[in-house]
């Protein structure tokens, strides 16, 4: 059963008119729903294979970090006086209050001896991985799921992985990589706030400037805009993801895009962001939650007698969808990818269906390259595969001679795609006479 055949999805579609329903179905064809077991498996696999072996790693779970007031000292600018060339006194520093994300570690002053200035250093435990924004009604977001997955990985490898380690544990185990983990990077605001929470600790800045530590961001998926914002942080983190996120801007042609934007805006014309937070237009949801970067028609509710609206993911939860969801088989995923690439005949070809999994993946990736999808993000979007499966499919296609080292389809690959995409005529049924049957010879009964 595909995502669009889910009873909860069909109930949501019944709110549209007949004309709008066709556009909504086109939108749902590109929507990616990630079950809980798939999310846990892929995120754990990425955490175990993305980093060099035997490298100590500290995991920090991305969550909303509150801002705090801090007093900093900034030196005053020197006054330039051309008429007085004599040496001026050193300018004094002026205290200034700024609002910054709360520091990941507390800081203390350490006496270095007589004649030396006291040194500021990180001290004590890190901020908790999971904390509710309010105390009256405590709520835990997706950081609880990510924290549970990576905490188990740290328990299985206690000498390599460290979960929100204290400052002393970092020094004792000589941890050389800080990894901020999350499920989805939408606008990139929360991830950059988490990186700043680490960066504003003077010891962390000292380690980074001395080349002792590196920063990485681990996520299941995200948008290109969010990745760009995160990479602009001063620590320049390496971003590691399971797969690319489809959006309304990278999944449809111009005519379809205009219709979909009009559909999303018509239901919530008064909203500031009908396409999601910062107009991201993401098309992905998880079983544990739905990002706020998806269009408003998926997560917002409208009450009243005139044009009420019930979202597909009320309160950004997917309980109704998960109840009746059945995971698609591998063949169904491959055929859906070929339909997206406008090669529907390949998906029903007997030669394709009888081929082993490795060769089928090589054929699908060759078809994607034939349609001009050359980057890793484009291939992940059209196939819905993790990045390591795409890398394996590219290697297999190159080994079988379908593509070359520059990801160009070879002549054998072109002939294979053309042969598999041929329209096969249906076998003609035997002609049966429409006349009534009667015996032509009678035998006398003895």
Protein backbone atom coordinates (compact mmCIF):
# COMPACT_ATOMS: atom_id res chain seq x y z
CA UNK A 1 0.00 0.00 0.00
CA UNK A 2 1.43 3.37 -1.04
CA UNK A 3 1.31 6.47 1.15
CA UNK A 4 -1.59 7.95 -0.81
CA UNK A 5 -3.70 4.80 -0.23
CA UNK A 6 -3.51 5.21 3.55
CA UNK A 7 -7.05 5.65 5.02
CA UNK A 8 -5.95 8.73 6.97
CA UNK A 9 -4.56 10.27 3.78
CA UNK A 10 -7.75 9.48 1.87
CA UNK A 11 -9.80 11.15 4.61
CA UNK A 12 -7.59 14.23 4.35
CA UNK A 13 -8.01 14.28 0.55
CA UNK A 14 -11.80 14.23 0.88
CA UNK A 15 -11.67 17.86 2.05
CA UNK A 16 -10.60 19.05 -1.40
CA UNK A 17 -12.81 19.67 -4.41
CA UNK A 18 -12.50 17.38 -7.42
CA UNK A 19 -10.19 19.79 -9.23
CA UNK A 20 -8.03 20.46 -6.16
CA UNK A 21 -7.85 16.76 -5.36
CA UNK A 22 -5.82 16.05 -8.51
CA UNK A 23 -3.26 18.69 -7.51
CA UNK A 24 -3.17 17.37 -3.92
CA UNK A 25 -2.54 13.83 -5.16
CA UNK A 26 0.34 15.12 -7.28
CA UNK A 27 1.75 16.74 -4.13
CA UNK A 28 1.40 13.53 -2.12
CA UNK A 29 3.18 11.49 -4.80
CA UNK A 30 6.40 13.31 -3.82
CA UNK A 31 5.79 13.26 -0.07
CA UNK A 32 8.23 11.10 1.93
CA UNK A 33 6.98 9.36 5.08
CA UNK A 34 9.68 7.71 7.23
CA UNK A 35 8.59 4.89 9.60
CA UNK A 36 10.19 4.60 13.04
CA UNK A 37 12.15 1.40 12.34
CA UNK A 38 13.62 2.83 9.13
CA UNK A 39 14.59 6.06 10.88
CA UNK A 40 16.34 4.25 13.74
CA UNK A 41 18.14 1.80 11.45
CA UNK A 42 19.44 4.39 8.98
CA UNK A 43 20.49 6.97 11.60
CA UNK A 44 22.38 4.31 13.61
CA UNK A 45 24.07 3.01 10.46
CA UNK A 46 25.15 6.52 9.47
CA UNK A 47 26.57 7.19 12.94
CA UNK A 48 28.59 3.96 12.84
CA UNK A 49 30.00 4.33 9.32
CA UNK A 50 30.46 8.06 8.71
CA UNK A 51 33.51 8.67 10.93
CA UNK A 52 37.04 7.25 10.97
CA UNK A 53 37.52 4.14 13.07
CA UNK A 54 38.90 4.48 16.61
CA UNK A 55 38.22 8.23 16.66
CA UNK A 56 36.68 9.40 19.97
CA UNK A 57 33.43 11.21 19.23
CA UNK A 58 31.17 13.34 21.43
CA UNK A 59 27.47 13.42 20.49
CA UNK A 60 25.36 16.48 21.33
CA UNK A 61 21.62 16.33 20.66
CA UNK A 62 20.18 19.36 18.89
CA UNK A 63 17.34 21.03 20.76
CA UNK A 64 16.07 24.52 21.44
CA UNK A 65 18.71 26.40 23.43
CA UNK A 66 17.44 29.41 25.44
CA UNK A 67 19.25 32.73 25.13
CA UNK A 68 21.00 34.25 28.13
CA UNK A 69 22.49 37.66 28.88
CA UNK A 70 26.30 37.67 29.03
CA UNK A 71 28.70 40.48 29.88
CA UNK A 72 31.62 40.74 27.48
CA UNK A 73 34.47 43.18 27.31
CA UNK A 74 35.18 44.81 23.97
CA UNK A 75 38.12 47.25 23.58
CA UNK A 76 37.25 50.80 22.58
CA UNK A 77 38.32 52.03 19.15
CA UNK A 78 41.45 54.15 19.04
CA UNK A 79 41.04 57.81 18.19
CA UNK A 80 43.22 58.91 15.32
CA UNK A 81 44.73 62.34 15.93
CA UNK A 82 47.05 63.44 13.14
CA UNK A 83 48.32 66.50 15.01
CA UNK A 84 49.65 64.42 17.90
CA UNK A 85 52.03 61.71 16.67
CA UNK A 86 53.09 60.80 20.17
CA UNK A 87 52.28 57.36 21.53
CA UNK A 88 48.78 56.96 22.88
CA UNK A 89 47.85 54.88 25.90
CA UNK A 90 46.24 51.50 25.37
CA UNK A 91 42.44 51.79 25.25
CA UNK A 92 40.52 50.34 28.14
CA UNK A 93 37.90 47.68 27.63
CA UNK A 94 34.24 48.55 28.05
CA UNK A 95 31.75 45.99 29.45
CA UNK A 96 28.80 45.25 27.22
CA UNK A 97 25.75 43.01 27.65
CA UNK A 98 24.80 40.72 24.79
CA UNK A 99 22.20 38.00 24.39
CA UNK A 100 23.61 34.67 23.27
CA UNK A 101 22.64 30.99 23.36
CA UNK A 102 23.33 29.44 26.74
CA UNK A 103 26.84 28.03 26.92
CA UNK A 104 27.14 24.26 26.79
CA UNK A 105 29.58 24.26 29.75
CA UNK A 106 30.03 26.46 32.77
CA UNK A 107 33.30 28.38 33.00
CA UNK A 108 35.59 29.04 35.96
CA UNK A 109 38.76 31.08 36.48
CA UNK A 110 41.89 29.04 37.16
CA UNK A 111 44.90 30.61 38.87
CA UNK A 112 48.08 30.00 36.85
CA UNK A 113 50.51 31.36 39.41
CA UNK A 114 51.97 34.66 40.44
CA UNK A 115 52.43 37.11 37.61
CA UNK A 116 50.03 35.33 35.23
CA UNK A 117 46.47 36.20 34.39
CA UNK A 118 43.75 33.84 35.47
CA UNK A 119 42.61 31.50 32.73
CA UNK A 120 38.96 30.84 31.88
CA UNK A 121 38.27 27.14 31.32
CA UNK A 122 35.28 24.84 30.82
CA UNK A 123 34.11 23.04 33.90
CA UNK A 124 31.50 20.47 34.91
CA UNK A 125 28.77 18.66 33.01
CA UNK A 126 27.27 19.65 29.67
CA UNK A 127 23.72 20.89 29.28
CA UNK A 128 21.19 18.03 29.39
CA UNK A 129 20.36 16.39 26.09
CA UNK A 130 16.60 16.65 26.67
CA UNK A 131 14.89 19.53 28.43
CA UNK A 132 11.35 20.86 28.19
CA UNK A 133 10.85 24.47 27.18
CA UNK A 134 8.23 24.97 29.89
CA UNK A 135 7.84 23.50 33.35
CA UNK A 136 4.07 23.86 33.73
CA UNK A 137 3.35 21.42 30.89
CA UNK A 138 6.55 19.68 29.96
CA UNK A 139 6.91 18.62 26.34
CA UNK A 140 9.64 16.62 24.64
CA UNK A 141 10.18 16.97 20.91
CA UNK A 142 12.06 14.88 18.38
CA UNK A 143 15.27 15.31 20.38
CA UNK A 144 13.98 12.57 22.70
CA UNK A 145 13.91 10.02 19.87
CA UNK A 146 17.37 11.01 18.57
CA UNK A 147 18.79 10.99 22.09
CA UNK A 148 17.44 7.48 22.73
CA UNK A 149 18.99 6.11 19.51
CA UNK A 150 22.45 7.62 20.00
CA UNK A 151 22.50 6.92 23.73
CA UNK A 152 22.18 3.21 22.93
CA UNK A 153 25.02 3.48 20.42
CA UNK A 154 27.19 5.09 23.10
CA UNK A 155 26.35 2.24 25.51
CA UNK A 156 27.44 -0.31 22.90
CA UNK A 157 30.74 1.51 22.21
CA UNK A 158 31.67 3.27 25.47
CA UNK A 159 35.33 3.74 24.50
CA UNK A 160 34.57 5.46 21.20
CA UNK A 161 31.24 7.26 21.59
CA UNK A 162 30.47 9.73 24.40
CA UNK A 163 27.00 11.14 24.99
CA UNK A 164 27.04 14.80 26.17
CA UNK A 165 30.37 14.27 27.97
CA UNK A 166 31.59 16.58 30.71
CA UNK A 167 34.61 18.84 30.23
CA UNK A 168 36.82 16.47 32.23
CA UNK A 169 35.77 13.46 30.12
CA UNK A 170 36.68 15.38 26.96
CA UNK A 171 40.16 16.11 28.29
CA UNK A 172 40.76 12.63 29.70
CA UNK A 173 39.69 10.76 26.54
CA UNK A 174 41.15 13.32 24.10
CA UNK A 175 37.92 13.64 22.14
CA UNK A 176 38.68 15.10 18.72
CA UNK A 177 35.24 15.42 17.11
CA UNK A 178 32.03 17.10 18.26
CA UNK A 179 28.88 15.89 16.47
CA UNK A 180 25.54 17.70 16.71
CA UNK A 181 22.78 15.20 15.89
CA UNK A 182 19.22 15.91 14.78
CA UNK A 183 16.47 14.35 12.71
CA UNK A 184 15.82 17.18 10.25
CA UNK A 185 17.48 20.47 9.27
CA UNK A 186 14.83 22.83 7.99
CA UNK A 187 15.83 26.48 8.35
CA UNK A 188 19.09 25.65 10.18
CA UNK A 189 18.32 28.04 13.07
CA UNK A 190 18.34 25.50 15.90
CA UNK A 191 21.46 23.71 14.68
CA UNK A 192 23.43 26.97 14.41
CA UNK A 193 22.23 27.91 17.89
CA UNK A 194 23.52 24.56 19.17
CA UNK A 195 26.89 25.10 17.48
CA UNK A 196 27.08 28.59 18.98
CA UNK A 197 26.36 27.14 22.42
CA UNK A 198 29.57 25.14 22.05
CA UNK A 199 31.53 27.87 20.28
CA UNK A 200 31.04 30.53 22.97
CA UNK A 201 32.82 28.31 25.51
CA UNK A 202 36.41 29.63 25.56
CA UNK A 203 37.98 26.19 25.97
CA UNK A 204 36.12 24.88 22.92
CA UNK A 205 37.27 27.89 20.87
CA UNK A 206 40.81 27.28 21.99
CA UNK A 207 40.65 23.60 21.01
CA UNK A 208 39.14 24.43 17.63
CA UNK A 209 41.61 27.21 16.80
CA UNK A 210 44.45 24.90 17.78
CA UNK A 211 43.24 22.21 15.39
CA UNK A 212 42.42 19.76 18.19
CA UNK A 213 38.72 19.24 17.42
CA UNK A 214 36.44 19.16 14.38
CA UNK A 215 32.70 19.77 14.14
CA UNK A 216 30.15 17.66 12.27
CA UNK A 217 26.36 17.69 11.97
CA UNK A 218 24.55 14.35 11.74
CA UNK A 219 20.97 14.31 10.45
CA UNK A 220 18.51 12.10 8.65
CA UNK A 221 17.59 14.72 6.08
CA UNK A 222 17.24 18.43 5.49
CA UNK A 223 16.78 21.20 2.97
CA UNK A 224 19.47 22.84 0.85
CA UNK A 225 18.68 26.21 2.44
CA UNK A 226 19.20 24.77 5.91
CA UNK A 227 22.47 23.08 4.92
CA UNK A 228 23.73 26.38 3.51
CA UNK A 229 22.93 28.27 6.72
CA UNK A 230 24.63 25.64 8.90
CA UNK A 231 27.78 25.58 6.75
CA UNK A 232 28.11 29.35 7.13
CA UNK A 233 28.72 28.96 10.87
CA UNK A 234 32.23 29.93 11.92
CA UNK A 235 33.16 26.30 12.76
CA UNK A 236 32.31 25.20 9.16
CA UNK A 237 30.84 21.83 10.18
CA UNK A 238 30.75 18.79 7.94
CA UNK A 239 27.13 17.78 7.24
CA UNK A 240 26.34 14.06 7.10
CA UNK A 241 22.84 12.95 6.06
CA UNK A 242 20.96 9.76 5.29
CA UNK A 243 19.02 11.10 2.30
CA UNK A 244 17.92 14.30 0.62
CA UNK A 245 14.59 15.92 1.37
CA UNK A 246 12.07 16.50 -1.42
CA UNK A 247 10.57 19.98 -1.49
CA UNK A 248 7.94 21.58 -3.66
CA UNK A 249 10.73 23.56 -5.36
CA UNK A 250 12.91 20.61 -6.43
CA UNK A 251 10.21 18.03 -7.16
CA UNK A 252 7.90 19.65 -9.72
CA UNK A 253 8.00 21.42 -13.04
CA UNK A 254 7.01 25.07 -13.38
CA UNK A 255 3.30 24.50 -14.24
CA UNK A 256 2.89 21.96 -11.43
CA UNK A 257 4.76 24.19 -8.98
CA UNK A 258 2.42 27.11 -9.66
CA UNK A 259 -0.66 24.96 -9.06
CA UNK A 260 0.73 23.52 -5.83
CA UNK A 261 1.71 26.92 -4.43
CA UNK A 262 -1.78 28.22 -5.24
CA UNK A 263 -3.32 25.20 -3.50
CA UNK A 264 -1.25 25.68 -0.34
CA UNK A 265 -1.87 29.42 -0.26
CA UNK A 266 -5.62 29.23 -0.91
CA UNK A 267 -6.33 27.30 2.30
CA UNK A 268 -4.18 29.55 4.51
CA UNK A 269 -4.07 32.85 2.65
CA UNK A 270 -3.84 34.80 5.92
CA UNK A 271 -0.80 32.86 7.15
CA UNK A 272 2.67 34.39 6.91
CA UNK A 273 4.23 31.11 5.87
CA UNK A 274 1.73 28.91 3.96
CA UNK A 275 4.64 26.85 2.60
CA UNK A 276 6.11 26.13 6.01
CA UNK A 277 8.55 27.86 8.33
CA UNK A 278 10.56 30.40 6.30
CA UNK A 279 8.73 29.20 3.16
CA UNK A 280 10.79 26.01 3.00
CA UNK A 281 8.12 23.78 1.43
CA UNK A 282 9.56 20.49 2.74
CA UNK A 283 7.77 17.25 1.85
CA UNK A 284 8.89 14.86 4.59
CA UNK A 285 7.44 13.57 7.84
CA UNK A 286 8.57 11.03 10.42
CA UNK A 287 6.55 8.63 12.49
CA UNK A 288 7.61 10.43 15.67
CA UNK A 289 6.86 13.97 14.42
CA UNK A 290 6.41 16.24 11.44
CA UNK A 291 8.73 19.23 10.87
CA UNK A 292 7.27 22.73 10.89
CA UNK A 293 8.84 23.31 7.47
CA UNK A 294 6.11 21.44 5.60
CA UNK A 295 3.23 23.40 4.01
CA UNK A 296 0.57 24.60 6.41
CA UNK A 297 -2.16 22.40 4.92
CA UNK A 298 -0.40 19.39 6.47
CA UNK A 299 -0.05 20.62 10.07
CA UNK A 300 -2.39 23.56 10.72
CA UNK A 301 -5.99 23.33 11.81
CA UNK A 302 -8.72 25.79 10.98
CA UNK A 303 -11.88 25.81 13.06
CA UNK A 304 -15.18 27.47 12.36
CA UNK A 305 -18.26 26.93 10.28
CA UNK A 306 -16.83 28.44 7.13
CA UNK A 307 -14.21 26.25 5.44
CA UNK A 308 -12.94 24.28 8.46
CA UNK A 309 -9.75 22.33 7.94
CA UNK A 310 -8.34 19.23 9.61
CA UNK A 311 -4.62 18.68 8.93
CA UNK A 312 -3.03 15.38 8.01
CA UNK A 313 -0.59 15.71 10.93
CA UNK A 314 -2.52 17.45 13.75
CA UNK A 315 -0.22 19.05 16.33
CA UNK A 316 2.64 17.83 14.09
CA UNK A 317 2.02 14.21 15.09
CA UNK A 318 1.55 11.26 12.73
CA UNK A 319 -0.46 8.91 14.94
CA UNK A 320 -3.34 8.49 12.47
CA UNK A 321 -1.04 7.93 9.50
CA UNK A 322 1.23 5.49 11.37
CA UNK A 323 -1.71 3.37 12.52
CA UNK A 324 -2.59 2.18 9.00
CA UNK A 325 0.78 2.59 7.31
CA UNK A 326 2.32 -0.37 5.54
CA UNK A 327 5.89 -0.10 4.40
CA UNK A 328 6.35 -0.41 0.63
CA UNK A 329 8.38 -3.32 -0.72
CA UNK A 330 11.70 -2.81 -2.47
CA UNK A 331 10.19 -3.54 -5.89
CA UNK A 332 7.44 -0.98 -5.27
CA UNK A 333 10.01 1.68 -4.33
CA UNK A 334 12.06 0.93 -7.45
CA UNK A 335 9.00 1.06 -9.71
CA UNK A 336 7.89 4.34 -8.14
CA UNK A 337 11.34 5.79 -8.84
CA UNK A 338 11.16 4.66 -12.47
CA UNK A 339 7.70 6.22 -12.80
CA UNK A 340 9.14 9.49 -11.47
CA UNK A 341 11.93 9.26 -14.06
CA UNK A 342 9.33 8.68 -16.82
CA UNK A 343 10.48 5.11 -17.46
CA UNK A 344 7.32 3.20 -16.44
CA UNK A 345 7.89 0.36 -18.91
CA UNK A 346 11.17 -0.61 -17.24
CA UNK A 347 9.38 -1.29 -13.96
CA UNK A 348 7.13 -3.92 -15.55
CA UNK A 349 9.80 -5.47 -17.75
CA UNK A 350 10.29 -9.20 -17.04
CA UNK A 351 14.06 -8.79 -17.41
CA UNK A 352 14.04 -6.07 -14.74
CA UNK A 353 11.76 -7.96 -12.35
CA UNK A 354 13.82 -11.16 -12.59
CA UNK A 355 17.16 -9.39 -12.10
CA UNK A 356 18.90 -9.49 -8.69
CA UNK A 357 18.70 -6.49 -6.40
CA UNK A 358 22.18 -5.20 -7.22
CA UNK A 359 21.47 -5.11 -10.96
CA UNK A 360 18.04 -3.52 -10.47
CA UNK A 361 19.62 -0.72 -8.47
CA UNK A 362 22.23 -0.26 -11.18
CA UNK A 363 19.47 0.01 -13.81
CA UNK A 364 17.52 2.57 -11.77
CA UNK A 365 20.59 4.73 -11.15
CA UNK A 366 21.49 4.53 -14.84
CA UNK A 367 17.98 5.67 -15.75
CA UNK A 368 18.31 8.59 -13.31
CA UNK A 369 21.60 9.64 -14.89
CA UNK A 370 19.98 9.33 -18.31
CA UNK A 371 17.42 11.93 -17.22
CA UNK A 372 20.13 14.37 -16.18
CA UNK A 373 20.17 13.83 -12.40
CA UNK A 374 23.89 13.90 -11.66
CA UNK A 375 24.41 15.21 -8.12
CA UNK A 376 24.03 13.10 -5.01
CA UNK A 377 21.13 15.23 -3.75
CA UNK A 378 19.23 14.88 -7.03
CA UNK A 379 19.75 11.11 -7.13
CA UNK A 380 18.64 10.75 -3.51
CA UNK A 381 15.51 12.82 -4.16
CA UNK A 382 14.30 10.84 -7.20
CA UNK A 383 15.14 7.39 -5.76
CA UNK A 384 14.33 7.89 -2.03
CA UNK A 385 17.46 5.88 -1.18
CA UNK A 386 20.06 6.55 1.51
CA UNK A 387 23.33 8.02 0.29
CA UNK A 388 25.26 4.78 0.85
CA UNK A 389 22.83 2.82 -1.33
CA UNK A 390 23.28 5.40 -4.09
CA UNK A 391 27.05 5.06 -3.80
CA UNK A 392 26.77 1.26 -4.02
CA UNK A 393 24.42 1.53 -7.04
CA UNK A 394 26.83 3.89 -8.83
CA UNK A 395 29.70 1.52 -8.17
CA UNK A 396 27.67 -1.44 -9.45
CA UNK A 397 26.56 0.43 -12.58
CA UNK A 398 30.13 1.42 -13.31
CA UNK A 399 31.35 -2.15 -12.74
CA UNK A 400 28.75 -3.52 -15.18
CA UNK A 401 29.68 -0.93 -17.81
CA UNK A 402 26.43 1.06 -17.74
CA UNK A 403 28.21 4.32 -16.77
CA UNK A 404 31.80 5.58 -16.88
CA UNK A 405 33.96 7.22 -14.22
CA UNK A 406 32.46 10.66 -14.96
CA UNK A 407 28.89 9.43 -14.33
CA UNK A 408 28.05 9.50 -18.03
CA UNK A 409 25.85 6.77 -19.46
CA UNK A 410 27.79 4.52 -21.86
CA UNK A 411 26.51 2.99 -25.11
CA UNK A 412 25.79 -0.38 -23.41
CA UNK A 413 23.84 1.51 -20.74
CA UNK A 414 21.84 3.44 -23.36
CA UNK A 415 21.02 0.23 -25.25
CA UNK A 416 19.91 -1.43 -21.99
CA UNK A 417 17.59 1.45 -21.05
CA UNK A 418 16.14 1.58 -24.57
CA UNK A 419 15.56 -2.18 -24.67
CA UNK A 420 13.91 -2.32 -21.24
CA UNK A 421 11.75 0.73 -21.95
CA UNK A 422 10.22 -0.75 -25.09
CA UNK A 423 6.43 -0.96 -25.13
CA UNK A 424 5.48 -4.61 -25.13
CA UNK A 425 2.29 -5.53 -27.04
CA UNK A 426 -0.21 -7.65 -25.26
CA UNK A 427 -0.50 -11.24 -26.37
CA UNK A 428 -3.53 -11.76 -28.58
CA UNK A 429 -6.18 -14.02 -27.13
CA UNK A 430 -7.44 -16.92 -29.26
CA UNK A 431 -10.47 -16.07 -31.37
CA UNK A 432 -13.57 -17.83 -30.13
CA UNK A 433 -16.58 -18.27 -32.40
CA UNK A 434 -19.68 -16.52 -31.15
CA UNK A 435 -22.01 -19.02 -32.81
CA UNK A 436 -23.88 -21.60 -30.80
CA UNK A 437 -22.36 -25.04 -30.57
CA UNK A 438 -24.25 -27.98 -31.99
CA UNK A 439 -23.04 -31.46 -32.89
CA UNK A 440 -22.38 -31.98 -36.57
CA UNK A 441 -22.77 -35.75 -36.48
CA UNK A 442 -25.30 -37.77 -34.56
CA UNK A 443 -24.82 -41.27 -33.40
CA UNK A 444 -27.64 -43.68 -33.02
CA UNK A 445 -28.01 -45.00 -29.55
CA UNK A 446 -27.98 -48.76 -29.38
